Amino acid sequence: MRVRELIDILRDQPPDAEVELAVVAPVEDDNEDITVDRYSVEGVLPWEDEGDEGVVIWLVGGEDDDVDSFLDAIEEHED
């Protein structure tokens, strides 16, 4: 999804609605059951993979302590 597409989708939503990140994954590899983990979006992070052209935008969410640790590690890596 491109940023402009996400903006277009969000433009049609109520401005005071909560934004969550839903991660859908199989419960087991050989089973059709799925699980959905829901997290608040705690940050937006532009990311560039080495060797790839362009920037990818990450919507960052998860357990509060995990997000804090991740963002701290990213900041330390950038220094």
PDB file of N, CA and C in Angstrom:
ATOM      1  N   MET A   1       0.850  -1.170   0.000  1.00  0.00           N
ATOM      2  CA  MET A   1       0.000   0.000   0.000  1.00  0.00           C
ATOM      3  C   MET A   1       0.895   1.231   0.000  1.00  0.00           C
ATOM      4  N   ARG A   2       0.524   2.191  -0.767  1.00  0.00           N
ATOM      5  CA  ARG A   2       1.239   3.469  -0.823  1.00  0.00           C
ATOM      6  C   ARG A   2       0.654   4.440   0.191  1.00  0.00           C
ATOM      7  N   VAL A   3       1.467   5.391   0.625  1.00  0.00           N
ATOM      8  CA  VAL A   3       1.025   6.380   1.606  1.00  0.00           C
ATOM      9  C   VAL A   3      -0.229   7.095   1.111  1.00  0.00           C
ATOM     10  N   ARG A   4      -0.264   7.484  -0.151  1.00  0.00           N
ATOM     11  CA  ARG A   4      -1.435   8.204  -0.676  1.00  0.00           C
ATOM     12  C   ARG A   4      -2.700   7.356  -0.575  1.00  0.00           C
ATOM     13  N   GLU A   5      -2.570   6.029  -0.762  1.00  0.00           N
ATOM     14  CA  GLU A   5      -3.731   5.137  -0.648  1.00  0.00           C
ATOM     15  C   GLU A   5      -4.232   5.082   0.792  1.00  0.00           C
ATOM     16  N   LEU A   6      -3.299   5.004   1.738  1.00  0.00           N
ATOM     17  CA  LEU A   6      -3.683   4.990   3.152  1.00  0.00           C
ATOM     18  C   LEU A   6      -4.342   6.303   3.551  1.00  0.00           C
ATOM     19  N   ILE A   7      -3.795   7.406   3.075  1.00  0.00           N
ATOM     20  CA  ILE A   7      -4.388   8.712   3.371  1.00  0.00           C
ATOM     21  C   ILE A   7      -5.808   8.785   2.823  1.00  0.00           C
ATOM     22  N   ASP A   8      -6.011   8.312   1.604  1.00  0.00           N
ATOM     23  CA  ASP A   8      -7.355   8.314   1.007  1.00  0.00           C
ATOM     24  C   ASP A   8      -8.335   7.486   1.838  1.00  0.00           C
ATOM     25  N   ILE A   9      -7.903   6.329   2.295  1.00  0.00           N
ATOM     26  CA  ILE A   9      -8.774   5.477   3.119  1.00  0.00           C
ATOM     27  C   ILE A   9      -9.099   6.162   4.440  1.00  0.00           C
ATOM     28  N   LEU A  10      -8.079   6.716   5.080  1.00  0.00           N
ATOM     29  CA  LEU A  10      -8.290   7.348   6.387  1.00  0.00           C
ATOM     30  C   LEU A  10      -9.114   8.624   6.279  1.00  0.00           C
ATOM     31  N   ARG A  11      -9.034   9.296   5.160  1.00  0.00           N
ATOM     32  CA  ARG A  11      -9.790  10.532   4.959  1.00  0.00           C
ATOM     33  C   ARG A  11     -11.297  10.291   5.092  1.00  0.00           C
ATOM     34  N   ASP A  12     -11.758   9.084   4.732  1.00  0.00           N
ATOM     35  CA  ASP A  12     -13.182   8.749   4.789  1.00  0.00           C
ATOM     36  C   ASP A  12     -13.636   8.253   6.163  1.00  0.00           C
ATOM     37  N   GLN A  13     -12.713   8.196   7.119  1.00  0.00           N
ATOM     38  CA  GLN A  13     -13.034   7.683   8.447  1.00  0.00           C
ATOM     39  C   GLN A  13     -13.294   8.832   9.417  1.00  0.00           C
ATOM     40  N   PRO A  14     -14.013   8.546  10.503  1.00  0.00           N
ATOM     41  CA  PRO A  14     -14.219   9.596  11.507  1.00  0.00           C
ATOM     42  C   PRO A  14     -12.872  10.060  12.076  1.00  0.00           C
ATOM     43  N   PRO A  15     -12.653  11.359  12.160  1.00  0.00           N
ATOM     44  CA  PRO A  15     -11.343  11.859  12.581  1.00  0.00           C
ATOM     45  C   PRO A  15     -10.968  11.512  14.020  1.00  0.00           C
ATOM     46  N   ASP A  16     -11.931  11.169  14.847  1.00  0.00           N
ATOM     47  CA  ASP A  16     -11.609  10.811  16.229  1.00  0.00           C
ATOM     48  C   ASP A  16     -11.572   9.296  16.450  1.00  0.00           C
ATOM     49  N   ALA A  17     -11.610   8.507  15.369  1.00  0.00           N
ATOM     50  CA  ALA A  17     -11.553   7.046  15.495  1.00  0.00           C
ATOM     51  C   ALA A  17     -10.136   6.608  15.855  1.00  0.00           C
ATOM     52  N   GLU A  18     -10.040   5.585  16.684  1.00  0.00           N
ATOM     53  CA  GLU A  18      -8.755   4.991  17.067  1.00  0.00           C
ATOM     54  C   GLU A  18      -8.194   4.204  15.884  1.00  0.00           C
ATOM     55  N   VAL A  19      -6.890   4.289  15.663  1.00  0.00           N
ATOM     56  CA  VAL A  19      -6.226   3.497  14.624  1.00  0.00           C
ATOM     57  C   VAL A  19      -5.482   2.361  15.306  1.00  0.00           C
ATOM     58  N   GLU A  20      -5.742   1.137  14.844  1.00  0.00           N
ATOM     59  CA  GLU A  20      -5.060  -0.040  15.375  1.00  0.00           C
ATOM     60  C   GLU A  20      -4.369  -0.777  14.239  1.00  0.00           C
ATOM     61  N   LEU A  21      -3.380  -1.553  14.607  1.00  0.00           N
ATOM     62  CA  LEU A  21      -2.695  -2.433  13.683  1.00  0.00           C
ATOM     63  C   LEU A  21      -3.163  -3.848  14.000  1.00  0.00           C
ATOM     64  N   ALA A  22      -3.716  -4.544  13.014  1.00  0.00           N
ATOM     65  CA  ALA A  22      -4.165  -5.922  13.205  1.00  0.00           C
ATOM     66  C   ALA A  22      -3.203  -6.843  12.466  1.00  0.00           C
ATOM     67  N   VAL A  23      -2.576  -7.749  13.218  1.00  0.00           N
ATOM     68  CA  VAL A  23      -1.642  -8.709  12.637  1.00  0.00           C
ATOM     69  C   VAL A  23      -2.350 -10.053  12.573  1.00  0.00           C
ATOM     70  N   VAL A  24      -2.551 -10.548  11.358  1.00  0.00           N
ATOM     71  CA  VAL A  24      -3.243 -11.815  11.144  1.00  0.00           C
ATOM     72  C   VAL A  24      -2.190 -12.880  10.849  1.00  0.00           C
ATOM     73  N   ALA A  25      -2.251 -13.998  11.578  1.00  0.00           N
ATOM     74  CA  ALA A  25      -1.258 -15.057  11.391  1.00  0.00           C
ATOM     75  C   ALA A  25      -1.900 -16.407  11.665  1.00  0.00           C
ATOM     76  N   PRO A  26      -1.352 -17.464  11.051  1.00  0.00           N
ATOM     77  CA  PRO A  26      -1.876 -18.799  11.337  1.00  0.00           C
ATOM     78  C   PRO A  26      -1.522 -19.203  12.769  1.00  0.00           C
ATOM     79  N   VAL A  27      -2.418 -19.958  13.391  1.00  0.00           N
ATOM     80  CA  VAL A  27      -2.143 -20.472  14.729  1.00  0.00           C
ATOM     81  C   VAL A  27      -1.052 -21.540  14.626  1.00  0.00           C
ATOM     82  N   GLU A  28      -1.184 -22.415  13.636  1.00  0.00           N
ATOM     83  CA  GLU A  28      -0.186 -23.440  13.347  1.00  0.00           C
ATOM     84  C   GLU A  28      -0.013 -23.502  11.836  1.00  0.00           C
ATOM     85  N   ASP A  29       1.188 -23.819  11.382  1.00  0.00           N
ATOM     86  CA  ASP A  29       1.465 -23.829   9.939  1.00  0.00           C
ATOM     87  C   ASP A  29       0.566 -24.780   9.161  1.00  0.00           C
ATOM     88  N   ASP A  30       0.222 -25.918   9.721  1.00  0.00           N
ATOM     89  CA  ASP A  30      -0.544 -26.923   8.978  1.00  0.00           C
ATOM     90  C   ASP A  30      -2.038 -26.888   9.299  1.00  0.00           C
ATOM     91  N   ASN A  31      -2.516 -25.773   9.825  1.00  0.00           N
ATOM     92  CA  ASN A  31      -3.912 -25.651  10.234  1.00  0.00           C
ATOM     93  C   ASN A  31      -4.493 -24.387   9.602  1.00  0.00           C
ATOM     94  N   GLU A  32      -5.781 -24.384   9.310  1.00  0.00           N
ATOM     95  CA  GLU A  32      -6.412 -23.199   8.712  1.00  0.00           C
ATOM     96  C   GLU A  32      -6.846 -22.156   9.745  1.00  0.00           C
ATOM     97  N   ASP A  33      -6.735 -22.476  11.044  1.00  0.00           N
ATOM     98  CA  ASP A  33      -7.100 -21.515  12.080  1.00  0.00           C
ATOM     99  C   ASP A  33      -6.135 -20.333  12.060  1.00  0.00           C
ATOM    100  N   ILE A  34      -6.689 -19.147  12.318  1.00  0.00           N
ATOM    101  CA  ILE A  34      -5.864 -17.941  12.375  1.00  0.00           C
ATOM    102  C   ILE A  34      -6.062 -17.243  13.714  1.00  0.00           C
ATOM    103  N   THR A  35      -5.142 -16.365  14.016  1.00  0.00           N
ATOM    104  CA  THR A  35      -5.243 -15.517  15.190  1.00  0.00           C
ATOM    105  C   THR A  35      -5.074 -14.069  14.729  1.00  0.00           C
ATOM    106  N   VAL A  36      -5.677 -13.157  15.451  1.00  0.00           N
ATOM    107  CA  VAL A  36      -5.545 -11.735  15.147  1.00  0.00           C
ATOM    108  C   VAL A  36      -5.072 -11.035  16.415  1.00  0.00           C
ATOM    109  N   ASP A  37      -3.900 -10.420  16.330  1.00  0.00           N
ATOM    110  CA  ASP A  37      -3.370  -9.610  17.423  1.00  0.00           C
ATOM    111  C   ASP A  37      -3.596  -8.153  17.065  1.00  0.00           C
ATOM    112  N   ARG A  38      -4.192  -7.406  17.983  1.00  0.00           N
ATOM    113  CA  ARG A  38      -4.503  -5.998  17.746  1.00  0.00           C
ATOM    114  C   ARG A  38      -3.625  -5.121  18.630  1.00  0.00           C
ATOM    115  N   TYR A  39      -3.050  -4.081  18.006  1.00  0.00           N
ATOM    116  CA  TYR A  39      -2.195  -3.151  18.733  1.00  0.00           C
ATOM    117  C   TYR A  39      -2.520  -1.727  18.303  1.00  0.00           C
ATOM    118  N   SER A  40      -2.411  -0.795  19.235  1.00  0.00           N
ATOM    119  CA  SER A  40      -2.495   0.621  18.881  1.00  0.00           C
ATOM    120  C   SER A  40      -1.245   0.994  18.105  1.00  0.00           C
ATOM    121  N   VAL A  41      -1.379   1.913  17.182  1.00  0.00           N
ATOM    122  CA  VAL A  41      -0.217   2.414  16.458  1.00  0.00           C
ATOM    123  C   VAL A  41       0.453   3.446  17.363  1.00  0.00           C
ATOM    124  N   GLU A  42       1.696   3.158  17.732  1.00  0.00           N
ATOM    125  CA  GLU A  42       2.423   4.016  18.670  1.00  0.00           C
ATOM    126  C   GLU A  42       3.399   4.946  17.972  1.00  0.00           C
ATOM    127  N   GLY A  43       3.678   4.666  16.713  1.00  0.00           N
ATOM    128  CA  GLY A  43       4.623   5.510  15.997  1.00  0.00           C
ATOM    129  C   GLY A  43       4.635   5.196  14.517  1.00  0.00           C
ATOM    130  N   VAL A  44       5.274   6.076  13.771  1.00  0.00           N
ATOM    131  CA  VAL A  44       5.461   5.916  12.339  1.00  0.00           C
ATOM    132  C   VAL A  44       6.955   6.081  12.089  1.00  0.00           C
ATOM    133  N   LEU A  45       7.527   5.106  11.380  1.00  0.00           N
ATOM    134  CA  LEU A  45       8.968   5.093  11.211  1.00  0.00           C
ATOM    135  C   LEU A  45       9.326   4.882   9.740  1.00  0.00           C
ATOM    136  N   PRO A  46       9.999   5.863   9.124  1.00  0.00           N
ATOM    137  CA  PRO A  46      10.498   5.625   7.772  1.00  0.00           C
ATOM    138  C   PRO A  46      11.674   4.656   7.849  1.00  0.00           C
ATOM    139  N   TRP A  47      11.712   3.681   6.946  1.00  0.00           N
ATOM    140  CA  TRP A  47      12.740   2.648   7.008  1.00  0.00           C
ATOM    141  C   TRP A  47      13.325   2.416   5.620  1.00  0.00           C
ATOM    142  N   GLU A  48      14.646   2.276   5.557  1.00  0.00           N
ATOM    143  CA  GLU A  48      15.327   1.965   4.302  1.00  0.00           C
ATOM    144  C   GLU A  48      16.149   0.700   4.509  1.00  0.00           C
ATOM    145  N   ASP A  49      15.857  -0.336   3.715  1.00  0.00           N
ATOM    146  CA  ASP A  49      16.666  -1.554   3.746  1.00  0.00           C
ATOM    147  C   ASP A  49      17.907  -1.336   2.909  1.00  0.00           C
ATOM    148  N   GLU A  50      19.028  -1.850   3.386  1.00  0.00           N
ATOM    149  CA  GLU A  50      20.261  -1.735   2.613  1.00  0.00           C
ATOM    150  C   GLU A  50      20.084  -2.449   1.276  1.00  0.00           C
ATOM    151  N   GLY A  51      20.485  -1.780   0.215  1.00  0.00           N
ATOM    152  CA  GLY A  51      20.402  -2.378  -1.110  1.00  0.00           C
ATOM    153  C   GLY A  51      19.076  -2.155  -1.813  1.00  0.00           C
ATOM    154  N   ASP A  52      18.037  -1.750  -1.088  1.00  0.00           N
ATOM    155  CA  ASP A  52      16.743  -1.470  -1.705  1.00  0.00           C
ATOM    156  C   ASP A  52      16.629   0.025  -1.972  1.00  0.00           C
ATOM    157  N   GLU A  53      15.942   0.346  -3.045  1.00  0.00           N
ATOM    158  CA  GLU A  53      15.703   1.751  -3.339  1.00  0.00           C
ATOM    159  C   GLU A  53      14.399   2.197  -2.703  1.00  0.00           C
ATOM    160  N   GLY A  54      14.368   3.403  -2.221  1.00  0.00           N
ATOM    161  CA  GLY A  54      13.142   3.962  -1.676  1.00  0.00           C
ATOM    162  C   GLY A  54      12.975   3.717  -0.186  1.00  0.00           C
ATOM    163  N   VAL A  55      11.990   4.377   0.333  1.00  0.00           N
ATOM    164  CA  VAL A  55      11.681   4.321   1.757  1.00  0.00           C
ATOM    165  C   VAL A  55      10.379   3.563   1.949  1.00  0.00           C
ATOM    166  N   VAL A  56      10.337   2.755   3.001  1.00  0.00           N
ATOM    167  CA  VAL A  56       9.122   2.066   3.421  1.00  0.00           C
ATOM    168  C   VAL A  56       8.696   2.701   4.734  1.00  0.00           C
ATOM    169  N   ILE A  57       7.412   2.912   4.905  1.00  0.00           N
ATOM    170  CA  ILE A  57       6.906   3.500   6.149  1.00  0.00           C
ATOM    171  C   ILE A  57       6.352   2.389   7.033  1.00  0.00           C
ATOM    172  N   TRP A  58       6.895   2.267   8.226  1.00  0.00           N
ATOM    173  CA  TRP A  58       6.409   1.279   9.191  1.00  0.00           C
ATOM    174  C   TRP A  58       5.427   1.947  10.144  1.00  0.00           C
ATOM    175  N   LEU A  59       4.272   1.332  10.332  1.00  0.00           N
ATOM    176  CA  LEU A  59       3.380   1.692  11.421  1.00  0.00           C
ATOM    177  C   LEU A  59       3.796   0.797  12.580  1.00  0.00           C
ATOM    178  N   VAL A  60       4.239   1.382  13.666  1.00  0.00           N
ATOM    179  CA  VAL A  60       4.824   0.628  14.778  1.00  0.00           C
ATOM    180  C   VAL A  60       3.804   0.487  15.898  1.00  0.00           C
ATOM    181  N   GLY A  61       3.603  -0.743  16.328  1.00  0.00           N
ATOM    182  CA  GLY A  61       2.700  -1.018  17.437  1.00  0.00           C
ATOM    183  C   GLY A  61       3.118  -2.300  18.117  1.00  0.00           C
ATOM    184  N   GLY A  62       2.591  -2.537  19.285  1.00  0.00           N
ATOM    185  CA  GLY A  62       2.917  -3.738  20.048  1.00  0.00           C
ATOM    186  C   GLY A  62       2.714  -3.466  21.516  1.00  0.00           C
ATOM    187  N   GLU A  63       3.232  -4.365  22.320  1.00  0.00           N
ATOM    188  CA  GLU A  63       3.183  -4.152  23.766  1.00  0.00           C
ATOM    189  C   GLU A  63       4.041  -2.927  24.091  1.00  0.00           C
ATOM    190  N   ASP A  64       3.570  -2.107  25.022  1.00  0.00           N
ATOM    191  CA  ASP A  64       4.235  -0.832  25.317  1.00  0.00           C
ATOM    192  C   ASP A  64       5.733  -0.985  25.572  1.00  0.00           C
ATOM    193  N   ASP A  65       6.118  -1.932  26.439  1.00  0.00           N
ATOM    194  CA  ASP A  65       7.535  -2.112  26.767  1.00  0.00           C
ATOM    195  C   ASP A  65       8.340  -2.530  25.541  1.00  0.00           C
ATOM    196  N   ASP A  66       7.750  -3.383  24.697  1.00  0.00           N
ATOM    197  CA  ASP A  66       8.438  -3.836  23.488  1.00  0.00           C
ATOM    198  C   ASP A  66       8.637  -2.683  22.506  1.00  0.00           C
ATOM    199  N   VAL A  67       7.611  -1.861  22.338  1.00  0.00           N
ATOM    200  CA  VAL A  67       7.709  -0.713  21.428  1.00  0.00           C
ATOM    201  C   VAL A  67       8.768   0.251  21.945  1.00  0.00           C
ATOM    202  N   ASP A  68       8.765   0.533  23.239  1.00  0.00           N
ATOM    203  CA  ASP A  68       9.769   1.435  23.809  1.00  0.00           C
ATOM    204  C   ASP A  68      11.176   0.902  23.582  1.00  0.00           C
ATOM    205  N   SER A  69      11.376  -0.397  23.820  1.00  0.00           N
ATOM    206  CA  SER A  69      12.698  -1.015  23.613  1.00  0.00           C
ATOM    207  C   SER A  69      13.106  -0.946  22.148  1.00  0.00           C
ATOM    208  N   PHE A  70      12.170  -1.209  21.251  1.00  0.00           N
ATOM    209  CA  PHE A  70      12.453  -1.155  19.821  1.00  0.00           C
ATOM    210  C   PHE A  70      12.856   0.257  19.398  1.00  0.00           C
ATOM    211  N   LEU A  71      12.073   1.255  19.798  1.00  0.00           N
ATOM    212  CA  LEU A  71      12.370   2.629  19.408  1.00  0.00           C
ATOM    213  C   LEU A  71      13.697   3.094  20.008  1.00  0.00           C
ATOM    214  N   ASP A  72      13.991   2.675  21.247  1.00  0.00           N
ATOM    215  CA  ASP A  72      15.285   3.007  21.863  1.00  0.00           C
ATOM    216  C   ASP A  72      16.434   2.388  21.063  1.00  0.00           C
ATOM    217  N   ALA A  73      16.267   1.137  20.642  1.00  0.00           N
ATOM    218  CA  ALA A  73      17.311   0.457  19.871  1.00  0.00           C
ATOM    219  C   ALA A  73      17.519   1.139  18.525  1.00  0.00           C
ATOM    220  N   ILE A  74      16.445   1.564  17.889  1.00  0.00           N
ATOM    221  CA  ILE A  74      16.556   2.267  16.603  1.00  0.00           C
ATOM    222  C   ILE A  74      17.306   3.582  16.792  1.00  0.00           C
ATOM    223  N   GLU A  75      16.974   4.320  17.849  1.00  0.00           N
ATOM    224  CA  GLU A  75      17.652   5.591  18.099  1.00  0.00           C
ATOM    225  C   GLU A  75      19.142   5.376  18.353  1.00  0.00           C
ATOM    226  N   GLU A  76      19.500   4.317  19.117  1.00  0.00           N
ATOM    227  CA  GLU A  76      20.900   4.034  19.389  1.00  0.00           C
ATOM    228  C   GLU A  76      21.632   3.652  18.109  1.00  0.00           C
ATOM    229  N   HIS A  77      20.969   2.916  17.232  1.00  0.00           N
ATOM    230  CA  HIS A  77      21.558   2.481  15.967  1.00  0.00           C
ATOM    231  C   HIS A  77      21.845   3.682  15.050  1.00  0.00           C
ATOM    232  N   GLU A  78      21.000   4.696  15.121  1.00  0.00           N
ATOM    233  CA  GLU A  78      21.151   5.874  14.269  1.00  0.00           C
ATOM    234  C   GLU A  78      22.279   6.784  14.754  1.00  0.00           C
ATOM    235  N   ASP A  79      22.636   6.691  16.035  1.00  0.00           N
ATOM    236  CA  ASP A  79      23.700   7.570  16.586  1.00  0.00           C
ATOM    237  C   ASP A  79      25.070   7.163  16.144  1.00  0.00           C
TER     238      ASP A  79
END
